[in-house]
Amino acid sequence: CSASTNKPVLTLFTKKPCPLCDEAKEVLEPYKRRFILQEVDITLPENSAWYDEYKYDIPVFHLNGKFLMKHQVDIQKFEDQLLKLELQND
């Protein structure tokens, strides 16, 4: 089934510790079969550009490389965008 390889990628810009990030991941838990979660630790040297951009804003989410939301999960927005991508892939 090629659909499984075509899942949207949700990128979470995070750092340790990040209680808001943990909370966000819990909110997204019911959807986890529908996307691939990729976590980017903004404190790592190779991610310094993201650190400069997002150090006061995490968690920040990008969906398929495009900015989606920050601070907390907007489930309605997330679902809308996820559905849009799923429909494109069909």
N, C-alpha and C. Protein backbone atom coordinates (compact mmCIF):
# COMPACT_ATOMS: atom_id res chain seq x y z
N CYS A 1 0.84 -1.18 0.00
CA CYS A 1 0.00 0.00 0.00
C CYS A 1 0.89 1.25 0.00
N SER A 2 0.81 2.05 -1.04
CA SER A 2 1.70 3.20 -1.15
C SER A 2 1.24 4.35 -0.26
N ALA A 3 0.01 4.32 0.20
CA ALA A 3 -0.52 5.41 1.02
C ALA A 3 0.30 5.60 2.29
N SER A 4 0.79 4.50 2.85
CA SER A 4 1.51 4.60 4.11
C SER A 4 2.83 5.36 3.95
N THR A 5 3.45 5.27 2.78
CA THR A 5 4.71 5.98 2.58
C THR A 5 4.45 7.45 2.25
N ASN A 6 3.21 7.77 1.94
CA ASN A 6 2.87 9.12 1.52
C ASN A 6 2.30 9.97 2.65
N LYS A 7 2.51 9.52 3.87
CA LYS A 7 1.95 10.25 5.01
C LYS A 7 2.57 11.63 5.13
N PRO A 8 1.76 12.61 5.50
CA PRO A 8 2.32 13.93 5.75
C PRO A 8 3.32 13.88 6.91
N VAL A 9 4.30 14.76 6.86
CA VAL A 9 5.29 14.82 7.93
C VAL A 9 4.99 16.04 8.80
N LEU A 10 4.75 15.78 10.08
CA LEU A 10 4.54 16.85 11.04
C LEU A 10 5.86 17.05 11.79
N THR A 11 6.45 18.22 11.64
CA THR A 11 7.71 18.51 12.30
C THR A 11 7.43 19.31 13.56
N LEU A 12 7.94 18.81 14.67
CA LEU A 12 7.79 19.49 15.96
C LEU A 12 9.14 20.09 16.35
N PHE A 13 9.19 21.41 16.43
CA PHE A 13 10.40 22.09 16.89
C PHE A 13 10.30 22.18 18.41
N THR A 14 11.28 21.58 19.09
CA THR A 14 11.19 21.41 20.53
C THR A 14 12.55 21.56 21.18
N LYS A 15 12.58 21.51 22.50
CA LYS A 15 13.82 21.41 23.25
C LYS A 15 13.48 20.75 24.58
N LYS A 16 14.50 20.30 25.28
CA LYS A 16 14.25 19.65 26.56
C LYS A 16 14.51 20.63 27.69
N PRO A 17 13.73 20.69 28.73
CA PRO A 17 12.39 20.11 28.80
C PRO A 17 11.39 21.02 28.13
N CYS A 18 10.28 20.47 27.72
CA CYS A 18 9.24 21.27 27.08
C CYS A 18 7.87 20.68 27.43
N PRO A 19 7.33 21.05 28.58
CA PRO A 19 6.02 20.53 28.99
C PRO A 19 4.92 20.81 27.96
N LEU A 20 4.99 21.98 27.30
CA LEU A 20 3.99 22.29 26.28
C LEU A 20 4.09 21.35 25.09
N CYS A 21 5.33 20.94 24.77
CA CYS A 21 5.54 20.00 23.67
C CYS A 21 4.95 18.63 24.03
N ASP A 22 5.18 18.22 25.28
CA ASP A 22 4.64 16.94 25.73
C ASP A 22 3.11 16.96 25.67
N GLU A 23 2.55 18.08 26.09
CA GLU A 23 1.10 18.26 26.05
C GLU A 23 0.59 18.19 24.61
N ALA A 24 1.30 18.86 23.72
CA ALA A 24 0.92 18.89 22.30
C ALA A 24 0.94 17.48 21.71
N LYS A 25 1.98 16.71 22.07
CA LYS A 25 2.07 15.34 21.55
C LYS A 25 0.91 14.48 22.05
N GLU A 26 0.48 14.71 23.28
CA GLU A 26 -0.67 13.97 23.81
C GLU A 26 -1.94 14.31 23.03
N VAL A 27 -2.11 15.59 22.73
CA VAL A 27 -3.28 16.02 21.96
C VAL A 27 -3.29 15.38 20.58
N LEU A 28 -2.10 15.20 20.00
CA LEU A 28 -1.98 14.64 18.65
C LEU A 28 -2.04 13.11 18.61
N GLU A 29 -1.94 12.50 19.77
CA GLU A 29 -1.89 11.04 19.88
C GLU A 29 -2.97 10.32 19.04
N PRO A 30 -4.24 10.73 19.11
CA PRO A 30 -5.28 10.01 18.34
C PRO A 30 -5.07 10.05 16.82
N TYR A 31 -4.23 10.98 16.35
CA TYR A 31 -4.02 11.15 14.90
C TYR A 31 -2.74 10.50 14.41
N LYS A 32 -1.97 9.89 15.32
CA LYS A 32 -0.60 9.53 14.97
C LYS A 32 -0.46 8.52 13.83
N ARG A 33 -1.51 7.79 13.53
CA ARG A 33 -1.43 6.86 12.40
C ARG A 33 -1.51 7.59 11.06
N ARG A 34 -1.91 8.85 11.10
CA ARG A 34 -2.14 9.61 9.87
C ARG A 34 -0.97 10.49 9.45
N PHE A 35 0.06 10.56 10.29
CA PHE A 35 1.21 11.40 9.93
C PHE A 35 2.49 10.82 10.53
N ILE A 36 3.60 11.33 10.06
CA ILE A 36 4.90 10.95 10.61
C ILE A 36 5.37 12.13 11.46
N LEU A 37 5.67 11.86 12.72
CA LEU A 37 6.16 12.92 13.59
C LEU A 37 7.67 12.97 13.56
N GLN A 38 8.18 14.13 13.26
CA GLN A 38 9.63 14.33 13.21
C GLN A 38 9.94 15.43 14.23
N GLU A 39 10.78 15.12 15.19
CA GLU A 39 11.10 16.12 16.20
C GLU A 39 12.46 16.74 15.91
N VAL A 40 12.51 18.06 16.01
CA VAL A 40 13.75 18.79 15.79
C VAL A 40 14.10 19.50 17.10
N ASP A 41 15.23 19.10 17.68
CA ASP A 41 15.71 19.74 18.90
C ASP A 41 16.44 21.02 18.51
N ILE A 42 15.82 22.17 18.81
CA ILE A 42 16.40 23.44 18.36
C ILE A 42 17.67 23.82 19.13
N THR A 43 17.99 23.09 20.20
CA THR A 43 19.21 23.41 20.95
C THR A 43 20.45 22.75 20.36
N LEU A 44 20.28 21.86 19.40
CA LEU A 44 21.44 21.22 18.78
C LEU A 44 22.13 22.22 17.85
N PRO A 45 23.46 22.15 17.79
CA PRO A 45 24.21 23.13 16.98
C PRO A 45 23.74 23.20 15.53
N GLU A 46 23.41 22.05 14.94
CA GLU A 46 23.01 22.07 13.53
C GLU A 46 21.63 22.70 13.30
N ASN A 47 20.92 22.95 14.39
CA ASN A 47 19.59 23.55 14.28
C ASN A 47 19.56 24.99 14.79
N SER A 48 20.71 25.64 14.82
CA SER A 48 20.80 26.98 15.42
C SER A 48 19.91 28.00 14.72
N ALA A 49 19.71 27.84 13.41
CA ALA A 49 18.84 28.78 12.69
C ALA A 49 17.40 28.68 13.22
N TRP A 50 16.97 27.45 13.49
CA TRP A 50 15.63 27.25 14.05
C TRP A 50 15.58 27.79 15.47
N TYR A 51 16.66 27.63 16.20
CA TYR A 51 16.71 28.15 17.57
C TYR A 51 16.49 29.66 17.57
N ASP A 52 17.22 30.34 16.69
CA ASP A 52 17.09 31.80 16.61
C ASP A 52 15.67 32.21 16.28
N GLU A 53 15.02 31.44 15.42
CA GLU A 53 13.68 31.79 14.98
C GLU A 53 12.60 31.44 16.02
N TYR A 54 12.77 30.30 16.71
CA TYR A 54 11.68 29.77 17.52
C TYR A 54 11.94 29.66 19.02
N LYS A 55 13.07 30.18 19.50
CA LYS A 55 13.42 29.94 20.91
C LYS A 55 12.36 30.37 21.90
N TYR A 56 11.55 31.38 21.55
CA TYR A 56 10.50 31.83 22.47
C TYR A 56 9.13 31.30 22.11
N ASP A 57 9.06 30.43 21.12
CA ASP A 57 7.75 30.03 20.58
C ASP A 57 7.42 28.55 20.65
N ILE A 58 8.35 27.71 21.08
CA ILE A 58 8.06 26.28 21.02
C ILE A 58 6.90 25.92 21.94
N PRO A 59 6.13 24.90 21.61
CA PRO A 59 6.31 24.09 20.40
C PRO A 59 5.85 24.81 19.14
N VAL A 60 6.57 24.55 18.06
CA VAL A 60 6.20 25.05 16.74
C VAL A 60 6.03 23.84 15.84
N PHE A 61 4.99 23.87 15.04
CA PHE A 61 4.72 22.75 14.13
C PHE A 61 4.76 23.19 12.68
N HIS A 62 5.43 22.38 11.86
CA HIS A 62 5.38 22.54 10.41
C HIS A 62 4.74 21.27 9.88
N LEU A 63 3.89 21.41 8.89
CA LEU A 63 3.30 20.25 8.23
C LEU A 63 3.83 20.22 6.81
N ASN A 64 4.52 19.13 6.47
CA ASN A 64 5.18 19.01 5.16
C ASN A 64 6.03 20.23 4.83
N GLY A 65 6.76 20.71 5.83
CA GLY A 65 7.70 21.80 5.59
C GLY A 65 7.10 23.19 5.65
N LYS A 66 5.79 23.30 5.85
CA LYS A 66 5.16 24.62 5.92
C LYS A 66 4.72 24.89 7.35
N PHE A 67 4.94 26.13 7.80
CA PHE A 67 4.52 26.51 9.15
C PHE A 67 3.03 26.25 9.33
N LEU A 68 2.68 25.63 10.45
CA LEU A 68 1.28 25.31 10.71
C LEU A 68 0.75 26.03 11.95
N MET A 69 1.45 25.89 13.07
CA MET A 69 0.95 26.47 14.32
C MET A 69 2.07 26.52 15.35
N LYS A 70 1.84 27.30 16.42
CA LYS A 70 2.83 27.36 17.49
C LYS A 70 2.13 27.52 18.83
N HIS A 71 2.90 27.26 19.89
CA HIS A 71 2.47 27.36 21.29
C HIS A 71 1.55 26.24 21.73
N GLN A 72 0.48 25.99 20.97
CA GLN A 72 -0.37 24.86 21.31
C GLN A 72 -1.03 24.34 20.04
N VAL A 73 -1.57 23.13 20.15
CA VAL A 73 -2.17 22.50 18.99
C VAL A 73 -3.54 23.09 18.73
N ASP A 74 -3.73 23.55 17.50
CA ASP A 74 -5.05 23.97 17.04
C ASP A 74 -5.61 22.78 16.26
N ILE A 75 -6.40 21.97 16.96
CA ILE A 75 -6.84 20.70 16.37
C ILE A 75 -7.64 20.92 15.09
N GLN A 76 -8.48 21.93 15.07
CA GLN A 76 -9.29 22.18 13.87
C GLN A 76 -8.40 22.49 12.67
N LYS A 77 -7.44 23.37 12.88
CA LYS A 77 -6.51 23.74 11.81
C LYS A 77 -5.70 22.52 11.37
N PHE A 78 -5.22 21.76 12.36
CA PHE A 78 -4.43 20.58 12.07
C PHE A 78 -5.24 19.57 11.25
N GLU A 79 -6.47 19.30 11.68
CA GLU A 79 -7.31 18.35 10.95
C GLU A 79 -7.59 18.81 9.53
N ASP A 80 -7.91 20.09 9.38
CA ASP A 80 -8.19 20.64 8.05
C ASP A 80 -7.00 20.44 7.12
N GLN A 81 -5.81 20.80 7.60
CA GLN A 81 -4.62 20.70 6.77
C GLN A 81 -4.25 19.24 6.48
N LEU A 82 -4.42 18.40 7.48
CA LEU A 82 -4.12 16.98 7.31
C LEU A 82 -5.05 16.37 6.27
N LEU A 83 -6.31 16.69 6.37
CA LEU A 83 -7.30 16.18 5.43
C LEU A 83 -6.99 16.65 4.01
N LYS A 84 -6.64 17.91 3.89
CA LYS A 84 -6.29 18.48 2.58
C LYS A 84 -5.16 17.69 1.93
N LEU A 85 -4.12 17.41 2.74
CA LEU A 85 -2.97 16.65 2.22
C LEU A 85 -3.37 15.22 1.87
N GLU A 86 -4.20 14.62 2.70
CA GLU A 86 -4.64 13.24 2.42
C GLU A 86 -5.43 13.18 1.12
N LEU A 87 -6.26 14.18 0.89
CA LEU A 87 -7.07 14.20 -0.33
C LEU A 87 -6.19 14.40 -1.56
N GLN A 88 -5.15 15.21 -1.42
CA GLN A 88 -4.21 15.42 -2.54
C GLN A 88 -3.51 14.12 -2.90
N ASN A 89 -3.23 13.30 -1.91
CA ASN A 89 -2.47 12.07 -2.13
C ASN A 89 -3.30 10.93 -2.70
N ASP A 90 -4.62 11.06 -2.65
CA ASP A 90 -5.47 9.97 -3.13
C ASP A 90 -5.48 9.88 -4.64
